[in-house]
PDB file of N, CA and C in Angstrom:
ATOM      1  N   MET A   1       1.113  -1.013  -0.093  1.00  0.00           N
ATOM      2  CA  MET A   1      -0.576   0.086   0.056  1.00  0.00           C
ATOM      3  C   MET A   1       0.818   0.826  -0.420  1.00  0.00           C
ATOM      4  N   LYS A   2       0.535   2.171  -0.929  1.00  0.00           N
ATOM      5  CA  LYS A   2       1.528   3.646  -1.446  1.00  0.00           C
ATOM      6  C   LYS A   2       0.529   4.051   0.054  1.00  0.00           C
ATOM      7  N   LEU A   3       1.512   5.006   1.104  1.00  0.00           N
ATOM      8  CA  LEU A   3       1.220   5.822   2.667  1.00  0.00           C
ATOM      9  C   LEU A   3       1.517   7.013   1.331  1.00  0.00           C
ATOM     10  N   LYS A   4      -0.028   7.873   1.954  1.00  0.00           N
ATOM     11  CA  LYS A   4       0.333   9.406   1.643  1.00  0.00           C
ATOM     12  C   LYS A   4       0.822  10.280   3.454  1.00  0.00           C
ATOM     13  N   LYS A   5       1.270  11.060   2.979  1.00  0.00           N
ATOM     14  CA  LYS A   5       1.153  12.093   4.160  1.00  0.00           C
ATOM     15  C   LYS A   5      -0.305  13.106   4.477  1.00  0.00           C
ATOM     16  N   SER A   6      -0.441  12.943   5.810  1.00  0.00           N
ATOM     17  CA  SER A   6      -1.904  13.796   6.350  1.00  0.00           C
ATOM     18  C   SER A   6      -1.905  15.516   6.390  1.00  0.00           C
ATOM     19  N   ARG A   7      -2.584  15.341   5.196  1.00  0.00           N
ATOM     20  CA  ARG A   7      -2.765  16.719   5.349  1.00  0.00           C
ATOM     21  C   ARG A   7      -3.847  17.418   6.757  1.00  0.00           C
ATOM     22  N   TYR A   8      -4.427  17.086   7.474  1.00  0.00           N
ATOM     23  CA  TYR A   8      -4.755  16.912   8.621  1.00  0.00           C
ATOM     24  C   TYR A   8      -5.031  16.128  10.106  1.00  0.00           C
ATOM     25  N   LYS A   9      -5.274  15.975  11.077  1.00  0.00           N
ATOM     26  CA  LYS A   9      -5.326  14.901  12.286  1.00  0.00           C
ATOM     27  C   LYS A   9      -6.285  14.124  11.584  1.00  0.00           C
ATOM     28  N   ARG A  10      -6.214  12.401  11.689  1.00  0.00           N
ATOM     29  CA  ARG A  10      -7.474  11.811  11.481  1.00  0.00           C
ATOM     30  C   ARG A  10      -7.105  10.359  13.114  1.00  0.00           C
ATOM     31  N   THR A  11      -8.075   9.853  12.971  1.00  0.00           N
ATOM     32  CA  THR A  11      -8.518   8.329  13.764  1.00  0.00           C
ATOM     33  C   THR A  11      -7.605   6.908  13.124  1.00  0.00           C
ATOM     34  N   CYS A  12      -7.309   6.515  13.363  1.00  0.00           N
ATOM     35  CA  CYS A  12      -6.660   4.906  12.834  1.00  0.00           C
ATOM     36  C   CYS A  12      -7.911   3.842  12.558  1.00  0.00           C
ATOM     37  N   LYS A  13      -8.439   3.323  12.001  1.00  0.00           N
ATOM     38  CA  LYS A  13      -9.506   2.681  11.990  1.00  0.00           C
ATOM     39  C   LYS A  13      -9.024   1.293  12.841  1.00  0.00           C
ATOM     40  N   GLU A  14      -7.685   1.125  12.803  1.00  0.00           N
ATOM     41  CA  GLU A  14      -8.039  -0.835  13.670  1.00  0.00           C
ATOM     42  C   GLU A  14      -7.267  -0.074  15.148  1.00  0.00           C
ATOM     43  N   CYS A  15      -6.540   0.923  15.524  1.00  0.00           N
ATOM     44  CA  CYS A  15      -6.060   0.332  16.209  1.00  0.00           C
ATOM     45  C   CYS A  15      -6.465   1.881  17.255  1.00  0.00           C
ATOM     46  N   LYS A  16      -7.428   3.143  17.191  1.00  0.00           N
ATOM     47  CA  LYS A  16      -8.095   4.138  17.314  1.00  0.00           C
ATOM     48  C   LYS A  16      -6.641   5.086  17.661  1.00  0.00           C
ATOM     49  N   SER A  17      -6.193   5.070  17.347  1.00  0.00           N
ATOM     50  CA  SER A  17      -4.485   6.023  17.570  1.00  0.00           C
ATOM     51  C   SER A  17      -4.857   7.679  16.582  1.00  0.00           C
ATOM     52  N   THR A  18      -4.627   8.459  16.903  1.00  0.00           N
ATOM     53  CA  THR A  18      -4.297   9.915  16.250  1.00  0.00           C
ATOM     54  C   THR A  18      -3.157   9.449  15.898  1.00  0.00           C
ATOM     55  N   ILE A  19      -4.019   9.767  14.118  1.00  0.00           N
ATOM     56  CA  ILE A  19      -2.559  10.500  12.877  1.00  0.00           C
ATOM     57  C   ILE A  19      -2.819  12.436  13.100  1.00  0.00           C
ATOM     58  N   ASN A  20      -1.415  12.284  13.013  1.00  0.00           N
ATOM     59  CA  ASN A  20      -1.651  14.282  13.741  1.00  0.00           C
ATOM     60  C   ASN A  20      -1.024  14.337  11.690  1.00  0.00           C
ATOM     61  N   LYS A  21      -1.245  15.737  11.472  1.00  0.00           N
ATOM     62  CA  LYS A  21      -0.522  16.117  10.506  1.00  0.00           C
ATOM     63  C   LYS A  21       0.903  16.451  10.052  1.00  0.00           C
ATOM     64  N   GLY A  22       1.364  16.143   9.093  1.00  0.00           N
ATOM     65  CA  GLY A  22       1.909  15.548   7.991  1.00  0.00           C
ATOM     66  C   GLY A  22       2.972  14.349   8.489  1.00  0.00           C
ATOM     67  N   ASP A  23       1.830  13.261   9.238  1.00  0.00           N
ATOM     68  CA  ASP A  23       2.508  12.103   9.431  1.00  0.00           C
ATOM     69  C   ASP A  23       1.927  10.819   8.706  1.00  0.00           C
ATOM     70  N   LEU A  24       2.442   9.757   7.960  1.00  0.00           N
ATOM     71  CA  LEU A  24       2.016   8.559   7.333  1.00  0.00           C
ATOM     72  C   LEU A  24       1.086   7.824   7.658  1.00  0.00           C
ATOM     73  N   TYR A  25       0.164   7.384   6.525  1.00  0.00           N
ATOM     74  CA  TYR A  25      -1.388   7.168   6.709  1.00  0.00           C
ATOM     75  C   TYR A  25      -1.396   6.219   5.613  1.00  0.00           C
ATOM     76  N   GLY A  26      -2.312   5.250   5.434  1.00  0.00           N
ATOM     77  CA  GLY A  26      -2.625   4.304   4.235  1.00  0.00           C
ATOM     78  C   GLY A  26      -3.973   4.487   4.406  1.00  0.00           C
ATOM     79  N   GLN A  27      -4.872   4.071   3.265  1.00  0.00           N
ATOM     80  CA  GLN A  27      -6.464   4.128   3.697  1.00  0.00           C
ATOM     81  C   GLN A  27      -6.689   2.273   2.386  1.00  0.00           C
ATOM     82  N   LYS A  28      -7.536   1.921   2.521  1.00  0.00           N
ATOM     83  CA  LYS A  28      -7.857   0.966   2.299  1.00  0.00           C
ATOM     84  C   LYS A  28      -9.840   0.790   2.552  1.00  0.00           C
ATOM     85  N   THR A  29     -10.669   0.013   1.889  1.00  0.00           N
ATOM     86  CA  THR A  29     -12.131   0.413   1.056  1.00  0.00           C
ATOM     87  C   THR A  29     -13.040  -0.663   2.376  1.00  0.00           C
ATOM     88  N   ILE A  30     -13.562  -0.363   3.181  1.00  0.00           N
ATOM     89  CA  ILE A  30     -14.185  -1.919   3.573  1.00  0.00           C
ATOM     90  C   ILE A  30     -15.976  -1.531   3.024  1.00  0.00           C
ATOM     91  N   ALA A  31     -16.067  -2.725   3.183  1.00  0.00           N
ATOM     92  CA  ALA A  31     -17.826  -3.268   3.106  1.00  0.00           C
ATOM     93  C   ALA A  31     -18.726  -2.603   4.007  1.00  0.00           C
ATOM     94  N   LEU A  32     -19.863  -2.035   3.434  1.00  0.00           N
ATOM     95  CA  LEU A  32     -21.477  -2.108   4.554  1.00  0.00           C
ATOM     96  C   LEU A  32     -22.090  -1.836   3.152  1.00  0.00           C
ATOM     97  N   GLY A  33     -23.347  -3.036   4.805  1.00  0.00           N
ATOM     98  CA  GLY A  33     -24.524  -3.656   3.588  1.00  0.00           C
ATOM     99  C   GLY A  33     -24.232  -4.852   2.944  1.00  0.00           C
ATOM    100  N   SER A  34     -24.757  -5.572   2.581  1.00  0.00           N
ATOM    101  CA  SER A  34     -24.441  -7.444   1.844  1.00  0.00           C
ATOM    102  C   SER A  34     -24.441  -6.757   0.701  1.00  0.00           C
ATOM    103  N   LYS A  35     -23.994  -8.431   0.131  1.00  0.00           N
ATOM    104  CA  LYS A  35     -23.235  -8.247  -1.027  1.00  0.00           C
ATOM    105  C   LYS A  35     -24.305  -8.220  -1.863  1.00  0.00           C
ATOM    106  N   LYS A  36     -25.894  -8.358  -1.763  1.00  0.00           N
ATOM    107  CA  LYS A  36     -26.421  -8.481  -3.136  1.00  0.00           C
ATOM    108  C   LYS A  36     -27.418  -7.108  -3.091  1.00  0.00           C
ATOM    109  N   ASP A  37     -26.597  -5.946  -4.132  1.00  0.00           N
ATOM    110  CA  ASP A  37     -27.201  -4.713  -4.185  1.00  0.00           C
ATOM    111  C   ASP A  37     -29.050  -4.738  -5.138  1.00  0.00           C
ATOM    112  N   GLY A  38     -29.513  -4.345  -4.250  1.00  0.00           N
ATOM    113  CA  GLY A  38     -30.758  -2.985  -3.792  1.00  0.00           C
ATOM    114  C   GLY A  38     -31.672  -4.161  -3.389  1.00  0.00           C
ATOM    115  N   GLN A  39     -32.046  -5.902  -3.259  1.00  0.00           N
ATOM    116  CA  GLN A  39     -31.612  -6.650  -1.565  1.00  0.00           C
ATOM    117  C   GLN A  39     -33.533  -5.800  -0.889  1.00  0.00           C
ATOM    118  N   ASN A  40     -34.643  -6.311  -1.158  1.00  0.00           N
ATOM    119  CA  ASN A  40     -35.377  -5.522  -0.473  1.00  0.00           C
ATOM    120  C   ASN A  40     -35.585  -5.973   0.904  1.00  0.00           C
ATOM    121  N   GLU A  41     -35.927  -5.673   2.045  1.00  0.00           N
ATOM    122  CA  GLU A  41     -35.611  -6.410   3.599  1.00  0.00           C
ATOM    123  C   GLU A  41     -36.851  -5.606   4.035  1.00  0.00           C
ATOM    124  N   THR A  42     -37.690  -5.912   4.809  1.00  0.00           N
ATOM    125  CA  THR A  42     -38.567  -5.517   5.771  1.00  0.00           C
ATOM    126  C   THR A  42     -38.698  -5.285   7.784  1.00  0.00           C
ATOM    127  N   TYR A  43     -39.201  -4.215   7.732  1.00  0.00           N
ATOM    128  CA  TYR A  43     -38.878  -3.743   9.365  1.00  0.00           C
ATOM    129  C   TYR A  43     -39.406  -2.990  10.192  1.00  0.00           C
ATOM    130  N   ASP A  44     -40.936  -4.253  10.659  1.00  0.00           N
ATOM    131  CA  ASP A  44     -42.034  -3.339  10.863  1.00  0.00           C
ATOM    132  C   ASP A  44     -42.930  -2.709  10.511  1.00  0.00           C
ATOM    133  N   GLY A  45     -42.650  -2.964   8.897  1.00  0.00           N
ATOM    134  CA  GLY A  45     -43.676  -3.099   8.980  1.00  0.00           C
ATOM    135  C   GLY A  45     -42.972  -1.693   7.006  1.00  0.00           C
ATOM    136  N   PHE A  46     -41.920  -1.907   6.820  1.00  0.00           N
ATOM    137  CA  PHE A  46     -41.301  -0.411   6.046  1.00  0.00           C
ATOM    138  C   PHE A  46     -40.059  -1.192   5.329  1.00  0.00           C
ATOM    139  N   ALA A  47     -40.312  -0.908   4.031  1.00  0.00           N
ATOM    140  CA  ALA A  47     -39.578  -1.434   3.434  1.00  0.00           C
ATOM    141  C   ALA A  47     -38.086  -0.837   3.182  1.00  0.00           C
ATOM    142  N   VAL A  48     -37.122  -1.649   3.227  1.00  0.00           N
ATOM    143  CA  VAL A  48     -35.840  -1.085   2.983  1.00  0.00           C
ATOM    144  C   VAL A  48     -35.281  -1.330   2.148  1.00  0.00           C
ATOM    145  N   THR A  49     -34.743  -0.857   0.523  1.00  0.00           N
ATOM    146  CA  THR A  49     -33.430  -1.572   0.142  1.00  0.00           C
ATOM    147  C   THR A  49     -31.677  -1.072   0.709  1.00  0.00           C
ATOM    148  N   VAL A  50     -31.836  -2.304   0.754  1.00  0.00           N
ATOM    149  CA  VAL A  50     -29.823  -2.195   1.403  1.00  0.00           C
ATOM    150  C   VAL A  50     -29.060  -2.005   0.032  1.00  0.00           C
ATOM    151  N   HIS A  51     -27.804  -1.748   0.298  1.00  0.00           N
ATOM    152  CA  HIS A  51     -27.154  -1.652  -1.319  1.00  0.00           C
ATOM    153  C   HIS A  51     -25.891  -1.484  -0.675  1.00  0.00           C
ATOM    154  N   TYR A  52     -25.374  -2.260  -1.196  1.00  0.00           N
ATOM    155  CA  TYR A  52     -23.647  -2.854  -0.661  1.00  0.00           C
ATOM    156  C   TYR A  52     -23.100  -1.603  -1.535  1.00  0.00           C
ATOM    157  N   MET A  53     -22.206  -0.907  -0.656  1.00  0.00           N
ATOM    158  CA  MET A  53     -21.330  -0.093  -0.917  1.00  0.00           C
ATOM    159  C   MET A  53     -20.174  -0.153   0.102  1.00  0.00           C
ATOM    160  N   ARG A  54     -19.169   0.292  -0.874  1.00  0.00           N
ATOM    161  CA  ARG A  54     -17.539   0.579   0.265  1.00  0.00           C
ATOM    162  C   ARG A  54     -16.812   1.506   0.543  1.00  0.00           C
ATOM    163  N   ILE A  55     -16.130   2.036   1.208  1.00  0.00           N
ATOM    164  CA  ILE A  55     -16.010   3.317   1.442  1.00  0.00           C
ATOM    165  C   ILE A  55     -14.477   3.161   2.409  1.00  0.00           C
ATOM    166  N   PRO A  56     -13.644   4.261   2.013  1.00  0.00           N
ATOM    167  CA  PRO A  56     -12.431   4.570   2.699  1.00  0.00           C
ATOM    168  C   PRO A  56     -12.207   4.491   3.628  1.00  0.00           C
ATOM    169  N   VAL A  57     -11.209   3.613   4.334  1.00  0.00           N
ATOM    170  CA  VAL A  57     -10.849   4.222   6.325  1.00  0.00           C
ATOM    171  C   VAL A  57      -9.237   4.398   5.726  1.00  0.00           C
ATOM    172  N   ASP A  58      -8.998   5.544   7.017  1.00  0.00           N
ATOM    173  CA  ASP A  58      -7.492   5.359   7.471  1.00  0.00           C
ATOM    174  C   ASP A  58      -6.528   4.229   8.291  1.00  0.00           C
ATOM    175  N   VAL A  59      -5.956   4.132   7.752  1.00  0.00           N
ATOM    176  CA  VAL A  59      -4.774   3.627   8.978  1.00  0.00           C
ATOM    177  C   VAL A  59      -3.453   3.994   9.486  1.00  0.00           C
ATOM    178  N   CYS A  60      -3.244   3.796  10.107  1.00  0.00           N
ATOM    179  CA  CYS A  60      -1.845   4.755  10.447  1.00  0.00           C
ATOM    180  C   CYS A  60      -0.900   3.458  10.160  1.00  0.00           C
ATOM    181  N   LYS A  61       0.255   4.680  10.391  1.00  0.00           N
ATOM    182  CA  LYS A  61       1.769   3.670   9.066  1.00  0.00           C
ATOM    183  C   LYS A  61       1.669   2.090  10.335  1.00  0.00           C
ATOM    184  N   THR A  62       1.868   2.538  11.462  1.00  0.00           N
ATOM    185  CA  THR A  62       2.319   1.055  12.531  1.00  0.00           C
ATOM    186  C   THR A  62       1.166  -0.108  12.174  1.00  0.00           C
ATOM    187  N   CYS A  63       0.120  -0.086  11.949  1.00  0.00           N
ATOM    188  CA  CYS A  63      -0.730  -0.942  11.606  1.00  0.00           C
ATOM    189  C   CYS A  63      -0.765  -1.481  10.394  1.00  0.00           C
ATOM    190  N   CYS A  64      -0.082  -0.837   9.499  1.00  0.00           N
ATOM    191  CA  CYS A  64      -0.185  -0.788   7.809  1.00  0.00           C
ATOM    192  C   CYS A  64       1.624  -1.814   7.519  1.00  0.00           C
ATOM    193  N   GLU A  65       2.012  -1.931   8.827  1.00  0.00           N
ATOM    194  CA  GLU A  65       2.838  -2.466   8.432  1.00  0.00           C
ATOM    195  C   GLU A  65       3.390  -4.594   9.146  1.00  0.00           C
ATOM    196  N   VAL A  66       2.207  -4.202  10.373  1.00  0.00           N
ATOM    197  CA  VAL A  66       1.887  -4.593  11.100  1.00  0.00           C
ATOM    198  C   VAL A  66       0.602  -5.888  10.071  1.00  0.00           C
ATOM    199  N   LYS A  67       0.121  -5.706   9.848  1.00  0.00           N
ATOM    200  CA  LYS A  67      -0.929  -6.084   9.715  1.00  0.00           C
ATOM    201  C   LYS A  67      -0.726  -6.669   7.602  1.00  0.00           C
ATOM    202  N   SER A  68       0.165  -6.087   7.175  1.00  0.00           N
ATOM    203  CA  SER A  68       0.446  -5.680   5.430  1.00  0.00           C
ATOM    204  C   SER A  68      -0.629  -5.566   4.879  1.00  0.00           C
ATOM    205  N   CYS A  69      -1.316  -4.110   5.440  1.00  0.00           N
ATOM    206  CA  CYS A  69      -2.843  -3.622   4.120  1.00  0.00           C
ATOM    207  C   CYS A  69      -1.577  -4.082   2.650  1.00  0.00           C
ATOM    208  N   LYS A  70      -2.619  -4.429   1.991  1.00  0.00           N
ATOM    209  CA  LYS A  70      -2.329  -4.660   0.785  1.00  0.00           C
ATOM    210  C   LYS A  70      -3.968  -4.808  -0.136  1.00  0.00           C
TER     211      LYS A  70
END
């Protein structure tokens, strides 16, 4: 994973530590929702359409080296 220099203060998703301005960090994506896009579910009479999406999360340099983020 290519590390970038942070332009503002962030929080690591893995260890919850602070990534200060100027520190190196990486980004990886995590999945939200189910794998079937557009699947309908009902909760208490309300129909909800579930969408699969991926969002980027910040990971500090230490966690990237330990977990070998790729």
